[in-house]
Protein backbone atom coordinates (compact mmCIF):
# COMPACT_ATOMS: atom_id res chain seq x y z
CA MET A 1 100.88 87.42 66.10
CA VAL A 2 100.40 84.97 68.96
CA HIS A 3 100.41 81.34 67.82
CA GLU A 4 100.25 79.39 71.10
CA PRO A 5 97.64 79.20 73.89
CA ASN A 6 97.17 82.64 75.41
CA ASN A 7 94.73 84.88 77.25
CA TRP A 8 94.13 87.43 74.51
CA GLY A 9 90.42 88.22 74.51
CA ARG A 10 89.67 85.98 77.49
CA PHE A 11 88.78 88.89 79.79
CA GLY A 12 87.29 91.06 77.06
CA PRO A 13 88.74 92.97 74.08
CA ASP A 14 89.66 96.02 76.17
CA ASP A 15 91.25 94.14 79.10
CA GLN A 16 94.50 95.59 80.48
CA ARG A 17 94.82 93.59 83.74
CA GLY A 18 95.29 90.04 82.52
CA THR A 19 95.07 87.29 85.11
CA LEU A 20 94.60 89.82 87.92
CA ASN A 21 90.97 89.56 86.82
CA LEU A 22 90.97 86.16 88.54
CA LEU A 23 91.25 87.91 91.92
CA THR A 24 87.52 88.25 92.45
CA PRO A 25 86.17 89.14 95.92
CA SER A 26 85.45 85.48 96.65
CA VAL A 27 88.96 84.43 95.62
CA VAL A 28 90.48 87.17 97.81
CA LEU A 29 88.38 86.15 100.81
CA ASP A 30 89.39 82.53 100.33
CA ALA A 31 93.05 83.57 100.10
CA LEU A 32 92.86 85.29 103.49
CA ARG A 33 92.33 81.88 105.09
CA ALA A 34 95.99 81.09 104.34
CA ALA A 35 97.02 83.34 107.26
CA THR A 36 97.16 81.43 110.55
CA THR A 37 99.59 83.27 112.87
CA GLY A 38 99.35 86.89 111.73
CA GLU A 39 103.13 87.28 111.41
CA VAL A 40 104.08 89.73 108.64
CA LEU A 41 107.29 89.41 106.61
CA SER A 42 108.64 91.84 104.03
CA LEU A 43 109.72 90.19 100.76
CA ALA A 44 111.54 93.26 99.42
CA LEU A 45 115.21 94.04 99.02
CA PRO A 46 116.30 97.31 100.62
CA ILE A 47 116.74 100.26 98.25
CA ARG A 48 120.36 101.23 98.72
CA GLY A 49 122.68 103.77 97.19
CA ALA A 50 124.34 103.02 93.88
CA THR A 51 127.56 101.70 95.41
CA SER A 52 125.90 98.76 97.18
CA SER A 53 123.01 97.83 94.89
CA PRO A 54 123.11 94.33 93.35
CA ALA A 55 122.81 95.73 89.84
CA PRO A 56 126.11 96.99 88.36
CA ALA A 57 125.72 99.24 85.32
CA THR A 58 128.18 97.07 83.38
CA VAL A 59 125.63 94.26 83.08
CA PRO A 60 124.30 94.41 79.48
CA HIS A 61 120.59 94.07 80.24
CA LEU A 62 120.82 96.95 82.73
CA ARG A 63 122.36 99.48 80.35
CA GLY A 64 120.42 102.71 80.39
CA ARG A 65 119.02 101.97 83.85
CA PRO A 66 120.61 104.24 86.44
CA LEU A 67 121.05 102.74 89.86
CA PRO A 68 119.00 104.06 92.81
CA GLN A 69 119.98 107.48 94.12
CA HIS A 70 118.89 108.47 97.60
CA PHE A 71 119.93 111.81 99.04
CA MET A 72 118.86 114.18 101.77
CA SER A 73 117.43 117.55 100.78
CA VAL A 74 117.20 118.76 104.39
CA ASP A 75 118.99 117.15 107.33
CA GLY A 76 120.37 117.84 110.79
CA GLY A 77 123.53 119.34 109.35
CA ASP A 78 121.53 122.16 107.80
CA TYR A 79 120.25 123.23 111.22
CA ALA A 80 123.70 122.88 112.74
CA ALA A 81 124.92 125.24 110.03
CA GLY A 82 122.30 127.84 110.93
CA ALA A 83 119.15 126.96 108.99
CA ARG A 84 116.04 128.33 110.65
CA PRO A 85 113.64 125.79 112.15
CA ILE A 86 110.10 125.64 110.77
CA GLY A 87 108.21 127.47 113.45
CA GLU A 88 109.41 127.63 117.04
CA GLY A 89 111.84 124.76 117.59
CA LEU A 90 110.36 122.60 114.83
CA CYS A 91 112.86 120.88 112.56
CA VAL A 92 112.27 118.55 109.63
CA ALA A 93 114.31 116.06 107.65
CA ASP A 94 113.47 115.49 104.00
CA ASP A 95 114.91 113.38 101.25
CA ALA A 96 114.59 112.47 97.58
CA LEU A 97 114.71 109.17 95.75
CA VAL A 98 115.46 108.49 92.10
CA VAL A 99 114.87 104.88 91.10
CA THR A 100 114.35 102.93 87.90
CA PRO A 101 112.45 99.81 88.95
CA HIS A 102 113.59 97.27 86.39
CA GLY A 103 116.71 95.41 87.44
CA THR A 104 117.62 97.70 90.33
CA THR A 105 115.22 96.82 93.16
CA THR A 106 112.20 94.67 94.01
CA HIS A 107 109.58 95.61 91.45
CA MET A 108 106.52 94.60 89.45
CA ASP A 109 106.50 94.58 85.64
CA ALA A 110 103.47 96.08 83.92
CA LEU A 111 101.94 94.27 80.94
CA CYS A 112 103.38 96.98 78.67
CA HIS A 113 106.96 96.18 79.74
CA MET A 114 107.77 93.67 76.98
CA TRP A 115 106.19 92.54 73.74
CA SER A 116 107.02 91.17 70.30
CA GLY A 117 105.87 92.59 66.98
CA ASP A 118 103.50 95.55 67.04
CA ARG A 119 101.03 94.38 69.71
CA LEU A 120 101.05 94.44 73.50
CA TYR A 121 99.14 91.90 75.60
CA ASN A 122 95.57 91.41 74.38
CA GLY A 123 96.31 93.01 71.02
CA HIS A 124 96.70 96.59 72.23
CA PRO A 125 98.85 98.60 69.79
CA ALA A 126 102.49 98.80 70.88
CA ALA A 127 102.54 102.32 69.44
CA ARG A 128 100.51 103.34 72.50
CA VAL A 129 103.72 103.05 74.55
CA ARG A 130 105.03 106.57 74.02
CA SER A 131 107.70 108.91 75.34
CA TYR A 132 105.37 110.16 78.10
CA GLY A 133 104.30 106.66 79.15
CA ALA A 134 102.10 103.77 78.11
CA THR A 135 98.46 104.58 77.41
CA ARG A 136 97.67 100.86 77.43
CA CYS A 137 98.53 98.20 80.03
CA GLY A 138 100.42 100.58 82.36
CA ILE A 139 101.24 99.72 85.96
CA GLU A 140 98.39 101.93 87.23
CA ARG A 141 95.98 99.25 85.99
CA VAL A 142 97.14 96.83 88.70
CA GLY A 143 95.64 98.37 91.83
CA GLY A 144 96.29 96.11 94.82
CA VAL A 145 97.12 92.41 94.82
CA ILE A 146 95.81 90.28 97.68
CA ALA A 147 96.03 86.58 96.95
CA ARG A 148 97.13 83.23 98.26
CA GLY A 149 100.89 83.02 97.90
CA VAL A 150 102.51 79.65 97.21
CA LEU A 151 106.24 79.37 97.86
CA PHE A 152 108.08 77.04 95.52
CA ASP A 153 111.32 76.62 97.47
CA VAL A 154 113.20 74.57 94.89
CA PRO A 155 116.65 74.71 96.58
CA ARG A 156 115.20 73.38 99.83
CA ARG A 157 113.52 70.54 97.95
CA LEU A 158 116.90 69.64 96.45
CA GLY A 159 118.82 70.05 99.71
CA LEU A 160 120.72 73.14 98.52
CA ASP A 161 121.26 76.66 99.88
CA HIS A 162 120.72 78.03 96.39
CA LEU A 163 120.37 76.68 92.87
CA PRO A 164 123.44 76.59 90.59
CA ALA A 165 123.65 79.40 88.06
CA GLY A 166 122.84 77.11 85.16
CA HIS A 167 119.82 75.46 86.77
CA ARG A 168 116.51 75.86 84.94
CA ILE A 169 113.49 74.89 87.04
CA GLU A 170 111.26 72.38 85.26
CA PRO A 171 107.51 71.80 85.78
CA GLY A 172 108.08 68.54 87.66
CA GLU A 173 110.18 70.34 90.28
CA LEU A 174 107.33 72.76 90.92
CA GLU A 175 104.67 70.06 90.94
CA GLU A 176 106.57 68.12 93.61
CA ILE A 177 106.11 71.11 95.91
CA ALA A 178 102.59 72.29 95.11
CA VAL A 179 99.97 72.67 92.40
CA PRO A 180 98.71 76.27 92.35
CA ARG A 181 95.06 77.22 92.22
CA PRO A 182 93.63 79.83 89.84
CA GLY A 183 94.41 83.30 91.21
CA ASP A 184 97.43 82.23 93.27
CA VAL A 185 100.71 84.13 93.31
CA ALA A 186 103.48 81.67 92.47
CA VAL A 187 106.59 82.70 94.44
CA ILE A 188 109.77 81.07 93.14
CA ARG A 189 112.84 80.83 95.37
CA THR A 190 116.21 80.18 93.75
CA GLY A 191 118.25 81.41 96.72
CA TRP A 192 120.47 83.33 94.30
CA PRO A 193 120.40 86.70 96.18
CA GLN A 194 122.55 85.07 98.87
CA VAL A 195 125.37 84.90 96.34
CA TRP A 196 125.61 88.70 96.19
CA GLU A 197 127.05 88.88 99.71
CA ARG A 198 129.71 86.32 98.77
CA SER A 199 130.64 87.68 95.37
CA PRO A 200 128.94 90.30 93.18
CA GLU A 201 130.98 88.95 90.27
CA GLU A 202 129.59 85.45 90.80
CA TYR A 203 126.09 86.90 91.20
CA TRP A 204 126.25 88.31 87.67
CA SER A 205 128.08 85.34 86.12
CA GLY A 206 124.69 83.80 85.28
CA GLN A 207 121.50 83.11 87.22
CA PRO A 208 119.11 80.21 87.77
CA GLY A 209 115.44 80.60 86.96
CA LEU A 210 112.32 79.08 85.47
CA SER A 211 112.45 77.13 82.25
CA ALA A 212 110.03 78.04 79.47
CA ALA A 213 108.14 74.81 80.18
CA ALA A 214 107.72 75.80 83.83
CA GLY A 215 106.41 79.20 82.77
CA ARG A 216 103.83 77.54 80.55
CA TRP A 217 102.92 75.15 83.37
CA LEU A 218 102.22 78.05 85.71
CA ALA A 219 100.21 79.84 83.02
CA ALA A 220 98.17 76.70 82.42
CA HIS A 221 97.29 76.69 86.13
CA ASP A 222 95.95 80.26 85.91
CA VAL A 223 98.24 81.92 88.43
CA ALA A 224 97.56 85.64 88.85
CA VAL A 225 101.22 86.64 89.30
CA VAL A 226 104.64 84.99 89.04
CA ALA A 227 107.21 86.35 91.49
CA ALA A 228 110.85 85.31 91.95
CA ASP A 229 114.00 86.25 93.82
CA ASN A 230 116.18 86.35 90.70
CA ALA A 231 116.55 89.23 88.26
CA ALA A 232 114.49 88.02 85.31
CA ILE A 233 112.11 85.16 86.32
CA GLY A 234 113.91 82.98 83.77
CA GLY A 235 117.60 82.19 83.92
CA LEU A 236 120.41 84.43 82.69
CA ASP A 237 123.63 83.52 80.94
CA ALA A 238 127.08 84.91 81.71
CA ARG A 239 126.32 88.02 79.63
CA GLY A 240 123.30 88.82 81.80
CA LEU A 241 120.91 87.89 79.00
CA ALA A 242 118.13 85.34 78.68
CA ALA A 243 119.32 82.31 76.78
CA GLU A 244 115.94 81.43 75.21
CA GLY A 245 114.70 82.57 71.83
CA LEU A 246 111.57 84.69 71.41
CA ALA A 247 109.24 81.68 71.38
CA ASP A 248 110.46 80.57 74.81
CA ASP A 249 111.22 83.92 76.43
CA LEU A 250 109.61 83.93 79.90
CA HIS A 251 108.53 87.57 79.70
CA LEU A 252 106.78 86.97 76.39
CA ILE A 253 105.14 83.76 77.61
CA LEU A 254 103.86 85.30 80.83
CA LEU A 255 103.47 89.06 80.32
CA HIS A 256 102.76 89.26 76.62
CA ARG A 257 100.78 86.11 75.88
CA HIS A 258 99.06 85.33 79.15
CA GLY A 259 98.77 88.72 80.86
CA ILE A 260 100.51 87.47 83.99
CA HIS A 261 102.29 90.27 85.87
CA LEU A 262 105.82 89.55 87.05
CA ILE A 263 107.56 90.51 90.28
CA GLU A 264 111.36 90.27 90.37
CA LEU A 265 114.24 90.60 92.83
CA LEU A 266 112.37 89.43 95.91
CA TRP A 267 114.06 88.61 99.20
CA LEU A 268 112.68 85.24 100.33
CA GLU A 269 115.15 83.98 102.93
CA GLU A 270 113.08 84.78 106.03
CA LEU A 271 109.96 83.34 104.43
CA ALA A 272 111.84 80.19 103.42
CA ALA A 273 113.14 79.76 106.98
CA THR A 274 109.56 79.46 108.26
CA GLY A 275 108.96 76.34 106.18
CA ARG A 276 105.59 77.72 105.08
CA THR A 277 104.34 76.94 101.60
CA GLU A 278 101.06 78.88 101.79
CA PHE A 279 100.51 82.43 103.03
CA VAL A 280 98.64 85.61 102.17
CA PHE A 281 100.49 87.67 99.57
CA VAL A 282 99.92 91.44 99.56
CA ALA A 283 101.39 93.99 97.17
CA ALA A 284 100.45 97.37 95.71
CA PRO A 285 102.61 99.08 93.08
CA LEU A 286 102.88 102.86 92.88
CA ARG A 287 100.11 104.28 90.76
CA VAL A 288 102.42 105.65 88.07
CA GLU A 289 100.25 106.54 85.10
CA GLY A 290 101.71 104.89 82.01
CA GLY A 291 104.49 103.26 84.00
CA THR A 292 106.15 100.10 82.71
CA GLY A 293 106.75 98.95 86.28
CA SER A 294 106.96 100.06 89.88
CA PRO A 295 109.11 99.54 92.97
CA LEU A 296 107.31 97.23 95.33
CA THR A 297 107.32 95.97 98.92
CA PRO A 298 105.43 92.68 98.84
CA LEU A 299 104.31 91.26 102.17
CA ALA A 300 103.74 87.70 103.31
CA ILE A 301 101.16 87.31 106.08
CA LEU A 302 101.67 83.94 107.73
């Protein structure tokens, strides 16, 4: 049972899209005005092989999530070894990718990804998340996201390259940078991905992130999506777990109670270097029926 302000029933009893409903045609058209130069930046981490991914299997919250596997099914070596070309002189390279989105690459969480009790967002039965996928609130409900993006570059505001691992971003720190409009995508930079190159061990020794109060502040301002460059939107302790209890868990506040989709493990360094706070945010998850999330390549159009 939800006992604090929430969006259950706000968009109708059958709603499965949450605050993405705020992205009406007029809101999208208004968001497009945030682009002024036409420069396009990718906000995604590269999908690498398991040996170089910033998500070691020893981290507790990643157990059961295999790291990305990318391999070639047909390559130039096959033809060098005598494989016949397709048609006269026509060769082809082909590959395969196995990826679990959560915790292993830039991805979007569906509204069925986390819940408490026996109900998903908007009161949908949690029993509808089954072994073959979620029949309620799956990632295929998202479609495309085109919105005004607002970059909350908290380290820059504090004069830091990245936030300390124990830092929890409070509402006042966000408000000093910007106040989002309904339908905005709030993009939170902690700078923490830079730490991976210096020390994977330090990267997983804890992570900065939003406080519960900051999550509620963003929800109160009707953002459509919350996106961040850390692994879990909120902070993590040295065990790789969220330190908050259920009442203050960021995923429950945002996904479960307010229907706000989450995007995690962004790469924001090039965007931060531009000094831009506003831009057009574009993203479209894979249309995986019943999926709890999807790999994603968000774009910032400046």
